[in-house]
Amino acid sequence: MKVVDDFLDKNLFTDIYNIMTSDVFPWYFNNDIIHSKPEKILIDNFQFTHNFYMDYAPNSSYFNLIKPILYKLNAVAILRVKSNLLTRTEKIKEHEIHIDNKYVDNYKIAILYINTCNGYTKLKDNTKIDSIENRALFFDPSINHQSTTCTNAKARFNMNINYF
C-alpha cells in the first residue's frame, strides 16, 4: 500500500474538484454499492457514480478530464475509471468488503480522493486511509477493501481507477 498526498498539480486538481462538485456534472444513481445479492440490497445501500471509462471505451463527455491522471499513472491500458458520490449519513456506514475485479489479474488500483471528509477506505487488515483531497491511494487489487459514507460533509467524492 502507498499513499501519496498532493498527488496532482494544484491547478489540475482544482479543475477536477470544481467540475466534479459542480451542479452540472452528471451523477447517476446506483441502487447498490457493491453488486449484492437481491436480499442484501438495503434501503441505505446506494451511491451515485460517473463512469469515465467502462466496457473498453470512454463512457463520458468528461473523459478528457482524466487523461492527465492516466498520464501521471503511466497507464498503458484502462479497465475502468469510475467516480463515486456517497451522500452524508448520520453515522459513518461501512459498505461491503470487496475486490474491484475478480476476473482480471495483474492490474493496478488508484483511488483519488476529491474532497476532505471523515469517510475513509478500509483495507482487509483494518488499515484506514482517510479521505483527504488530492490524496491518492495505491494498493494490491487482490486485497479486499471497503468504502464508507461520511458525516461531516454533504457528500464523499472519490475516483477509482483500475488500470495496467
N, C-alpha and C. Protein backbone atom coordinates (compact mmCIF):
# COMPACT_ATOMS: atom_id res chain seq x y z
N MET A 1 0.84 -1.18 0.00
CA MET A 1 0.00 0.00 0.00
C MET A 1 0.89 1.24 0.00
N LYS A 2 0.45 2.25 -0.73
CA LYS A 2 1.17 3.51 -0.78
C LYS A 2 0.16 4.65 -0.82
N VAL A 3 0.41 5.68 -0.04
CA VAL A 3 -0.43 6.88 -0.02
C VAL A 3 0.43 8.05 -0.48
N VAL A 4 -0.11 8.83 -1.42
CA VAL A 4 0.61 9.99 -1.94
C VAL A 4 -0.29 11.22 -1.76
N ASP A 5 0.11 12.13 -0.90
CA ASP A 5 -0.62 13.38 -0.74
C ASP A 5 -0.20 14.36 -1.81
N ASP A 6 -1.09 15.31 -2.13
CA ASP A 6 -0.85 16.29 -3.20
C ASP A 6 -0.43 15.58 -4.48
N PHE A 7 -1.18 14.57 -4.84
CA PHE A 7 -0.84 13.72 -5.98
C PHE A 7 -0.81 14.49 -7.30
N LEU A 8 -1.80 15.34 -7.53
CA LEU A 8 -1.89 16.10 -8.77
C LEU A 8 -1.44 17.53 -8.56
N ASP A 9 -0.97 18.14 -9.63
CA ASP A 9 -0.68 19.57 -9.62
C ASP A 9 -1.90 20.31 -9.08
N LYS A 10 -1.68 21.32 -8.26
CA LYS A 10 -2.77 22.05 -7.60
C LYS A 10 -3.81 22.57 -8.59
N ASN A 11 -3.37 23.16 -9.70
CA ASN A 11 -4.31 23.72 -10.67
C ASN A 11 -5.15 22.63 -11.33
N LEU A 12 -4.51 21.52 -11.69
CA LEU A 12 -5.25 20.41 -12.29
C LEU A 12 -6.25 19.85 -11.30
N PHE A 13 -5.81 19.63 -10.07
CA PHE A 13 -6.72 19.09 -9.07
C PHE A 13 -7.91 20.03 -8.84
N THR A 14 -7.63 21.33 -8.76
CA THR A 14 -8.71 22.31 -8.55
C THR A 14 -9.73 22.25 -9.68
N ASP A 15 -9.25 22.10 -10.92
CA ASP A 15 -10.17 21.98 -12.06
C ASP A 15 -11.05 20.73 -11.91
N ILE A 16 -10.44 19.60 -11.56
CA ILE A 16 -11.19 18.36 -11.39
C ILE A 16 -12.20 18.51 -10.25
N TYR A 17 -11.75 19.05 -9.14
CA TYR A 17 -12.64 19.25 -7.98
C TYR A 17 -13.83 20.14 -8.37
N ASN A 18 -13.55 21.27 -9.02
CA ASN A 18 -14.62 22.21 -9.37
C ASN A 18 -15.63 21.60 -10.33
N ILE A 19 -15.16 20.80 -11.26
CA ILE A 19 -16.08 20.17 -12.21
C ILE A 19 -16.90 19.09 -11.53
N MET A 20 -16.23 18.20 -10.78
CA MET A 20 -16.94 17.07 -10.19
C MET A 20 -17.91 17.46 -9.08
N THR A 21 -17.70 18.61 -8.46
CA THR A 21 -18.59 19.04 -7.38
C THR A 21 -19.56 20.13 -7.85
N SER A 22 -19.60 20.38 -9.14
CA SER A 22 -20.49 21.41 -9.67
C SER A 22 -21.92 20.88 -9.82
N ASP A 23 -22.83 21.80 -10.04
CA ASP A 23 -24.24 21.44 -10.24
C ASP A 23 -24.50 20.81 -11.60
N VAL A 24 -23.56 20.92 -12.53
CA VAL A 24 -23.80 20.42 -13.88
C VAL A 24 -23.15 19.07 -14.18
N PHE A 25 -22.25 18.61 -13.31
CA PHE A 25 -21.59 17.33 -13.54
C PHE A 25 -22.61 16.20 -13.38
N PRO A 26 -22.71 15.30 -14.36
CA PRO A 26 -23.74 14.25 -14.30
C PRO A 26 -23.37 13.08 -13.39
N TRP A 27 -24.20 12.85 -12.40
CA TRP A 27 -24.07 11.70 -11.50
C TRP A 27 -25.26 10.79 -11.74
N TYR A 28 -25.04 9.49 -11.65
CA TYR A 28 -26.07 8.51 -11.95
C TYR A 28 -26.32 7.61 -10.74
N PHE A 29 -27.58 7.40 -10.44
CA PHE A 29 -28.00 6.63 -9.27
C PHE A 29 -27.68 5.15 -9.46
N ASN A 30 -27.05 4.55 -8.46
CA ASN A 30 -26.83 3.10 -8.41
C ASN A 30 -27.58 2.55 -7.21
N ASN A 31 -28.40 1.58 -7.44
CA ASN A 31 -29.25 1.01 -6.41
C ASN A 31 -28.49 0.24 -5.33
N ASP A 32 -27.25 -0.13 -5.63
CA ASP A 32 -26.42 -0.73 -4.60
C ASP A 32 -24.96 -0.34 -4.84
N ILE A 33 -24.16 -0.44 -3.80
CA ILE A 33 -22.77 0.00 -3.88
C ILE A 33 -21.89 -1.14 -4.38
N ILE A 34 -22.01 -2.28 -3.78
CA ILE A 34 -21.35 -3.49 -4.26
C ILE A 34 -22.48 -4.34 -4.81
N HIS A 35 -22.33 -4.85 -6.00
CA HIS A 35 -23.43 -5.59 -6.62
C HIS A 35 -23.78 -6.81 -5.79
N SER A 36 -24.64 -6.57 -4.83
CA SER A 36 -25.04 -7.58 -3.84
C SER A 36 -26.12 -8.49 -4.39
N LYS A 37 -26.31 -9.57 -3.68
CA LYS A 37 -27.47 -10.42 -3.96
C LYS A 37 -28.71 -9.62 -3.59
N PRO A 38 -29.82 -9.84 -4.28
CA PRO A 38 -31.03 -9.04 -4.01
C PRO A 38 -31.43 -8.95 -2.54
N GLU A 39 -31.23 -10.03 -1.78
CA GLU A 39 -31.63 -10.00 -0.37
C GLU A 39 -30.72 -9.11 0.47
N LYS A 40 -29.56 -8.70 -0.08
CA LYS A 40 -28.64 -7.86 0.66
C LYS A 40 -28.80 -6.36 0.32
N ILE A 41 -29.62 -6.04 -0.66
CA ILE A 41 -29.81 -4.64 -1.03
C ILE A 41 -30.64 -3.97 0.06
N LEU A 42 -30.03 -2.99 0.71
CA LEU A 42 -30.68 -2.29 1.81
C LEU A 42 -31.11 -0.91 1.36
N ILE A 43 -32.01 -0.31 2.10
CA ILE A 43 -32.54 0.99 1.72
C ILE A 43 -31.45 2.07 1.67
N ASP A 44 -30.42 1.94 2.50
CA ASP A 44 -29.37 2.95 2.53
C ASP A 44 -28.09 2.50 1.82
N ASN A 45 -28.18 1.46 1.02
CA ASN A 45 -27.03 0.91 0.29
C ASN A 45 -27.09 1.40 -1.16
N PHE A 46 -26.82 2.69 -1.38
CA PHE A 46 -26.85 3.27 -2.72
C PHE A 46 -25.74 4.30 -2.83
N GLN A 47 -25.46 4.67 -4.06
CA GLN A 47 -24.50 5.73 -4.33
C GLN A 47 -24.80 6.32 -5.70
N PHE A 48 -24.13 7.42 -6.00
CA PHE A 48 -24.18 8.00 -7.33
C PHE A 48 -22.80 7.80 -7.94
N THR A 49 -22.76 7.47 -9.23
CA THR A 49 -21.48 7.25 -9.89
C THR A 49 -21.42 7.99 -11.20
N HIS A 50 -20.20 8.16 -11.66
CA HIS A 50 -19.96 8.68 -13.00
C HIS A 50 -18.86 7.81 -13.60
N ASN A 51 -19.19 7.09 -14.65
CA ASN A 51 -18.23 6.21 -15.32
C ASN A 51 -17.54 6.97 -16.44
N PHE A 52 -16.28 7.26 -16.23
CA PHE A 52 -15.49 7.91 -17.27
C PHE A 52 -15.11 6.91 -18.36
N TYR A 53 -14.83 5.68 -17.94
CA TYR A 53 -14.37 4.64 -18.86
C TYR A 53 -14.87 3.30 -18.37
N MET A 54 -15.54 2.56 -19.26
CA MET A 54 -16.01 1.22 -18.92
C MET A 54 -16.27 0.44 -20.20
N ASP A 55 -16.30 -0.87 -20.09
CA ASP A 55 -16.55 -1.73 -21.25
C ASP A 55 -15.63 -1.41 -22.42
N TYR A 56 -14.37 -1.16 -22.10
CA TYR A 56 -13.30 -0.97 -23.08
C TYR A 56 -13.42 0.31 -23.91
N ALA A 57 -14.12 1.32 -23.38
CA ALA A 57 -14.27 2.55 -24.15
C ALA A 57 -14.59 3.72 -23.22
N PRO A 58 -14.23 4.94 -23.66
CA PRO A 58 -14.69 6.11 -22.90
C PRO A 58 -16.21 6.10 -22.81
N ASN A 59 -16.72 6.53 -21.67
CA ASN A 59 -18.16 6.48 -21.42
C ASN A 59 -18.68 7.82 -20.93
N SER A 60 -17.93 8.87 -21.18
CA SER A 60 -18.28 10.17 -20.61
C SER A 60 -17.80 11.29 -21.52
N SER A 61 -18.59 12.33 -21.60
CA SER A 61 -18.13 13.53 -22.31
C SER A 61 -17.04 14.24 -21.52
N TYR A 62 -16.80 13.82 -20.28
CA TYR A 62 -15.74 14.37 -19.44
C TYR A 62 -14.48 13.51 -19.44
N PHE A 63 -14.36 12.60 -20.38
CA PHE A 63 -13.21 11.70 -20.42
C PHE A 63 -11.88 12.47 -20.45
N ASN A 64 -11.83 13.58 -21.16
CA ASN A 64 -10.58 14.36 -21.23
C ASN A 64 -10.12 14.84 -19.86
N LEU A 65 -11.03 14.98 -18.93
CA LEU A 65 -10.69 15.41 -17.58
C LEU A 65 -9.72 14.45 -16.90
N ILE A 66 -9.82 13.17 -17.22
CA ILE A 66 -8.99 12.17 -16.53
C ILE A 66 -7.69 11.84 -17.28
N LYS A 67 -7.54 12.32 -18.49
CA LYS A 67 -6.33 11.99 -19.26
C LYS A 67 -5.04 12.37 -18.53
N PRO A 68 -4.95 13.55 -17.90
CA PRO A 68 -3.71 13.86 -17.17
C PRO A 68 -3.44 12.92 -16.00
N ILE A 69 -4.49 12.40 -15.40
CA ILE A 69 -4.32 11.44 -14.30
C ILE A 69 -3.75 10.14 -14.86
N LEU A 70 -4.31 9.67 -15.95
CA LEU A 70 -3.83 8.44 -16.57
C LEU A 70 -2.37 8.59 -17.00
N TYR A 71 -2.03 9.75 -17.51
CA TYR A 71 -0.65 10.01 -17.90
C TYR A 71 0.28 9.95 -16.68
N LYS A 72 -0.15 10.58 -15.59
CA LYS A 72 0.68 10.58 -14.37
C LYS A 72 0.85 9.16 -13.82
N LEU A 73 -0.16 8.32 -14.00
CA LEU A 73 -0.10 6.94 -13.54
C LEU A 73 0.71 6.04 -14.48
N ASN A 74 1.10 6.57 -15.64
CA ASN A 74 1.76 5.76 -16.67
C ASN A 74 0.89 4.59 -17.08
N ALA A 75 -0.42 4.81 -17.15
CA ALA A 75 -1.36 3.75 -17.53
C ALA A 75 -1.19 3.42 -19.01
N VAL A 76 -1.03 2.15 -19.30
CA VAL A 76 -0.94 1.73 -20.70
C VAL A 76 -2.27 1.16 -21.20
N ALA A 77 -3.13 0.78 -20.27
CA ALA A 77 -4.48 0.31 -20.61
C ALA A 77 -5.37 0.57 -19.40
N ILE A 78 -6.65 0.72 -19.68
CA ILE A 78 -7.62 1.03 -18.62
C ILE A 78 -8.66 -0.08 -18.55
N LEU A 79 -8.95 -0.51 -17.34
CA LEU A 79 -10.09 -1.42 -17.13
C LEU A 79 -11.35 -0.61 -16.85
N ARG A 80 -11.22 0.36 -15.92
CA ARG A 80 -12.38 1.15 -15.52
C ARG A 80 -11.91 2.41 -14.80
N VAL A 81 -12.60 3.50 -15.05
CA VAL A 81 -12.41 4.72 -14.25
C VAL A 81 -13.80 5.18 -13.86
N LYS A 82 -14.05 5.16 -12.55
CA LYS A 82 -15.38 5.47 -12.03
C LYS A 82 -15.24 6.41 -10.85
N SER A 83 -16.07 7.42 -10.80
CA SER A 83 -16.13 8.28 -9.63
C SER A 83 -17.37 7.94 -8.82
N ASN A 84 -17.24 8.11 -7.52
CA ASN A 84 -18.32 7.81 -6.59
C ASN A 84 -18.71 9.06 -5.81
N LEU A 85 -19.99 9.22 -5.62
CA LEU A 85 -20.54 10.26 -4.74
C LEU A 85 -21.37 9.51 -3.70
N LEU A 86 -20.90 9.53 -2.48
CA LEU A 86 -21.58 8.88 -1.37
C LEU A 86 -22.18 9.96 -0.48
N THR A 87 -23.48 9.96 -0.33
CA THR A 87 -24.14 11.02 0.42
C THR A 87 -23.87 10.88 1.92
N ARG A 88 -23.94 12.02 2.59
CA ARG A 88 -23.72 12.08 4.03
C ARG A 88 -24.75 11.21 4.75
N THR A 89 -24.30 10.58 5.82
CA THR A 89 -25.20 9.82 6.68
C THR A 89 -25.02 10.29 8.12
N GLU A 90 -25.98 9.98 8.97
CA GLU A 90 -25.91 10.41 10.37
C GLU A 90 -24.73 9.76 11.09
N LYS A 91 -24.49 8.48 10.81
CA LYS A 91 -23.33 7.75 11.33
C LYS A 91 -22.56 7.22 10.12
N ILE A 92 -21.25 7.07 10.26
CA ILE A 92 -20.47 6.51 9.16
C ILE A 92 -20.92 5.07 8.91
N LYS A 93 -21.20 4.78 7.65
CA LYS A 93 -21.63 3.44 7.25
C LYS A 93 -20.51 2.81 6.43
N GLU A 94 -20.03 1.67 6.87
CA GLU A 94 -19.04 0.90 6.11
C GLU A 94 -19.79 -0.02 5.15
N HIS A 95 -19.37 0.00 3.90
CA HIS A 95 -20.01 -0.83 2.88
C HIS A 95 -19.36 -2.21 2.84
N GLU A 96 -19.94 -3.09 2.04
CA GLU A 96 -19.42 -4.46 1.94
C GLU A 96 -17.97 -4.48 1.49
N ILE A 97 -17.23 -5.41 2.07
CA ILE A 97 -15.84 -5.61 1.67
C ILE A 97 -15.84 -6.32 0.31
N HIS A 98 -14.89 -5.95 -0.55
CA HIS A 98 -14.90 -6.47 -1.91
C HIS A 98 -13.53 -6.30 -2.58
N ILE A 99 -13.38 -6.90 -3.74
CA ILE A 99 -12.30 -6.55 -4.65
C ILE A 99 -12.97 -6.00 -5.90
N ASP A 100 -12.28 -5.13 -6.61
CA ASP A 100 -12.91 -4.45 -7.74
C ASP A 100 -13.17 -5.37 -8.93
N ASN A 101 -12.22 -6.24 -9.25
CA ASN A 101 -12.38 -7.09 -10.43
C ASN A 101 -11.77 -8.45 -10.14
N LYS A 102 -12.61 -9.44 -9.93
CA LYS A 102 -12.10 -10.77 -9.61
C LYS A 102 -11.78 -11.60 -10.85
N TYR A 103 -12.00 -11.06 -12.03
CA TYR A 103 -11.79 -11.81 -13.26
C TYR A 103 -10.50 -11.44 -13.99
N VAL A 104 -9.80 -10.44 -13.50
CA VAL A 104 -8.59 -9.95 -14.17
C VAL A 104 -7.45 -9.98 -13.17
N ASP A 105 -6.27 -10.38 -13.65
CA ASP A 105 -5.08 -10.41 -12.80
C ASP A 105 -4.11 -9.30 -13.20
N ASN A 106 -3.26 -8.96 -12.27
CA ASN A 106 -2.12 -8.06 -12.52
C ASN A 106 -2.48 -6.64 -12.92
N TYR A 107 -3.65 -6.18 -12.57
CA TYR A 107 -3.97 -4.78 -12.81
C TYR A 107 -3.61 -3.98 -11.57
N LYS A 108 -3.75 -2.67 -11.66
CA LYS A 108 -3.42 -1.78 -10.55
C LYS A 108 -4.66 -0.98 -10.16
N ILE A 109 -4.65 -0.52 -8.91
CA ILE A 109 -5.74 0.34 -8.42
C ILE A 109 -5.14 1.63 -7.89
N ALA A 110 -5.80 2.72 -8.25
CA ALA A 110 -5.53 4.01 -7.63
C ALA A 110 -6.88 4.60 -7.24
N ILE A 111 -6.96 5.09 -6.03
CA ILE A 111 -8.15 5.84 -5.59
C ILE A 111 -7.69 7.26 -5.34
N LEU A 112 -8.34 8.19 -6.02
CA LEU A 112 -8.06 9.61 -5.83
C LEU A 112 -9.20 10.21 -5.02
N TYR A 113 -8.86 10.79 -3.88
CA TYR A 113 -9.87 11.41 -3.02
C TYR A 113 -10.09 12.85 -3.48
N ILE A 114 -11.34 13.19 -3.73
CA ILE A 114 -11.67 14.50 -4.30
C ILE A 114 -11.94 15.52 -3.20
N ASN A 115 -12.51 15.11 -2.10
CA ASN A 115 -12.75 16.07 -1.01
C ASN A 115 -12.30 15.49 0.33
N THR A 116 -12.06 16.39 1.25
CA THR A 116 -11.67 16.01 2.60
C THR A 116 -12.94 15.83 3.43
N CYS A 117 -13.02 14.69 4.10
CA CYS A 117 -14.16 14.42 4.98
C CYS A 117 -13.73 13.29 5.92
N ASN A 118 -14.62 12.90 6.82
CA ASN A 118 -14.26 11.85 7.77
C ASN A 118 -14.57 10.43 7.26
N GLY A 119 -14.90 10.30 5.97
CA GLY A 119 -15.02 8.99 5.36
C GLY A 119 -13.63 8.42 5.12
N TYR A 120 -13.57 7.15 4.77
CA TYR A 120 -12.27 6.51 4.58
C TYR A 120 -12.42 5.27 3.72
N THR A 121 -11.28 4.74 3.31
CA THR A 121 -11.19 3.43 2.68
C THR A 121 -10.56 2.51 3.72
N LYS A 122 -11.14 1.35 3.90
CA LYS A 122 -10.62 0.41 4.89
C LYS A 122 -10.18 -0.86 4.17
N LEU A 123 -8.94 -1.26 4.42
CA LEU A 123 -8.39 -2.47 3.83
C LEU A 123 -8.68 -3.67 4.73
N LYS A 124 -8.52 -4.87 4.18
CA LYS A 124 -8.84 -6.11 4.89
C LYS A 124 -8.16 -6.20 6.26
N ASP A 125 -6.94 -5.66 6.37
CA ASP A 125 -6.21 -5.73 7.65
C ASP A 125 -6.63 -4.62 8.63
N ASN A 126 -7.72 -3.92 8.32
CA ASN A 126 -8.30 -2.83 9.12
C ASN A 126 -7.53 -1.51 9.02
N THR A 127 -6.56 -1.42 8.11
CA THR A 127 -5.91 -0.14 7.85
C THR A 127 -6.94 0.82 7.27
N LYS A 128 -7.02 2.01 7.83
CA LYS A 128 -7.95 3.04 7.34
C LYS A 128 -7.16 4.15 6.66
N ILE A 129 -7.58 4.51 5.46
CA ILE A 129 -6.96 5.61 4.72
C ILE A 129 -8.00 6.73 4.66
N ASP A 130 -7.68 7.84 5.31
CA ASP A 130 -8.60 8.96 5.39
C ASP A 130 -8.80 9.63 4.04
N SER A 131 -10.00 10.14 3.83
CA SER A 131 -10.31 10.89 2.62
C SER A 131 -9.79 12.31 2.78
N ILE A 132 -8.69 12.58 2.12
CA ILE A 132 -8.07 13.91 2.12
C ILE A 132 -7.98 14.33 0.66
N GLU A 133 -8.48 15.52 0.36
CA GLU A 133 -8.48 15.93 -1.05
C GLU A 133 -7.09 15.88 -1.67
N ASN A 134 -7.07 15.40 -2.90
CA ASN A 134 -5.85 15.26 -3.71
C ASN A 134 -4.89 14.21 -3.14
N ARG A 135 -5.40 13.29 -2.36
CA ARG A 135 -4.61 12.16 -1.89
C ARG A 135 -4.90 10.98 -2.82
N ALA A 136 -3.85 10.23 -3.14
CA ALA A 136 -4.01 9.02 -3.94
C ALA A 136 -3.60 7.82 -3.10
N LEU A 137 -4.37 6.78 -3.22
CA LEU A 137 -4.09 5.51 -2.55
C LEU A 137 -3.82 4.46 -3.61
N PHE A 138 -2.73 3.74 -3.45
CA PHE A 138 -2.37 2.63 -4.34
C PHE A 138 -2.26 1.38 -3.48
N PHE A 139 -2.87 0.28 -3.94
CA PHE A 139 -2.76 -0.97 -3.19
C PHE A 139 -2.97 -2.14 -4.12
N ASP A 140 -2.59 -3.31 -3.65
CA ASP A 140 -2.72 -4.55 -4.40
C ASP A 140 -4.22 -4.81 -4.65
N PRO A 141 -4.63 -4.98 -5.90
CA PRO A 141 -6.06 -5.16 -6.19
C PRO A 141 -6.65 -6.47 -5.67
N SER A 142 -5.80 -7.39 -5.24
CA SER A 142 -6.34 -8.65 -4.67
C SER A 142 -6.71 -8.48 -3.20
N ILE A 143 -6.43 -7.31 -2.63
CA ILE A 143 -6.76 -7.04 -1.23
C ILE A 143 -8.21 -6.56 -1.13
N ASN A 144 -8.97 -7.24 -0.30
CA ASN A 144 -10.33 -6.79 -0.05
C ASN A 144 -10.30 -5.42 0.62
N HIS A 145 -11.27 -4.59 0.26
CA HIS A 145 -11.37 -3.24 0.81
C HIS A 145 -12.83 -2.82 0.84
N GLN A 146 -13.08 -1.71 1.51
CA GLN A 146 -14.44 -1.21 1.58
C GLN A 146 -14.43 0.31 1.68
N SER A 147 -15.53 0.88 1.21
CA SER A 147 -15.70 2.32 1.28
C SER A 147 -16.63 2.66 2.43
N THR A 148 -16.75 3.94 2.69
CA THR A 148 -17.67 4.40 3.73
C THR A 148 -18.38 5.67 3.28
N THR A 149 -19.39 6.01 4.03
CA THR A 149 -20.00 7.33 3.90
C THR A 149 -19.21 8.30 4.77
N CYS A 150 -19.71 9.51 4.91
CA CYS A 150 -19.11 10.48 5.83
C CYS A 150 -20.23 11.15 6.61
N THR A 151 -19.86 11.86 7.68
CA THR A 151 -20.86 12.57 8.48
C THR A 151 -20.61 14.07 8.52
N ASN A 152 -19.46 14.53 8.04
CA ASN A 152 -19.11 15.94 8.23
C ASN A 152 -19.00 16.74 6.92
N ALA A 153 -19.55 16.21 5.84
CA ALA A 153 -19.61 16.92 4.56
C ALA A 153 -20.92 16.50 3.89
N LYS A 154 -21.36 17.27 2.89
CA LYS A 154 -22.60 16.91 2.19
C LYS A 154 -22.47 15.56 1.50
N ALA A 155 -21.25 15.26 1.03
CA ALA A 155 -21.01 14.00 0.32
C ALA A 155 -19.53 13.69 0.35
N ARG A 156 -19.22 12.44 0.07
CA ARG A 156 -17.84 11.99 -0.09
C ARG A 156 -17.63 11.68 -1.57
N PHE A 157 -16.60 12.29 -2.16
CA PHE A 157 -16.29 12.12 -3.58
C PHE A 157 -14.94 11.45 -3.73
N ASN A 158 -14.87 10.44 -4.60
CA ASN A 158 -13.58 9.86 -4.94
C ASN A 158 -13.62 9.34 -6.37
N MET A 159 -12.44 8.97 -6.87
CA MET A 159 -12.31 8.41 -8.20
C MET A 159 -11.53 7.11 -8.07
N ASN A 160 -12.07 6.05 -8.64
CA ASN A 160 -11.45 4.74 -8.58
C ASN A 160 -10.96 4.38 -9.98
N ILE A 161 -9.65 4.13 -10.09
CA ILE A 161 -9.04 3.86 -11.39
C ILE A 161 -8.44 2.46 -11.36
N ASN A 162 -8.91 1.59 -12.24
CA ASN A 162 -8.37 0.25 -12.42
C ASN A 162 -7.65 0.25 -13.76
N TYR A 163 -6.35 -0.04 -13.75
CA TYR A 163 -5.54 0.15 -14.96
C TYR A 163 -4.36 -0.82 -14.98
N PHE A 164 -3.69 -0.85 -16.12
CA PHE A 164 -2.45 -1.62 -16.29
C PHE A 164 -1.32 -0.64 -16.52
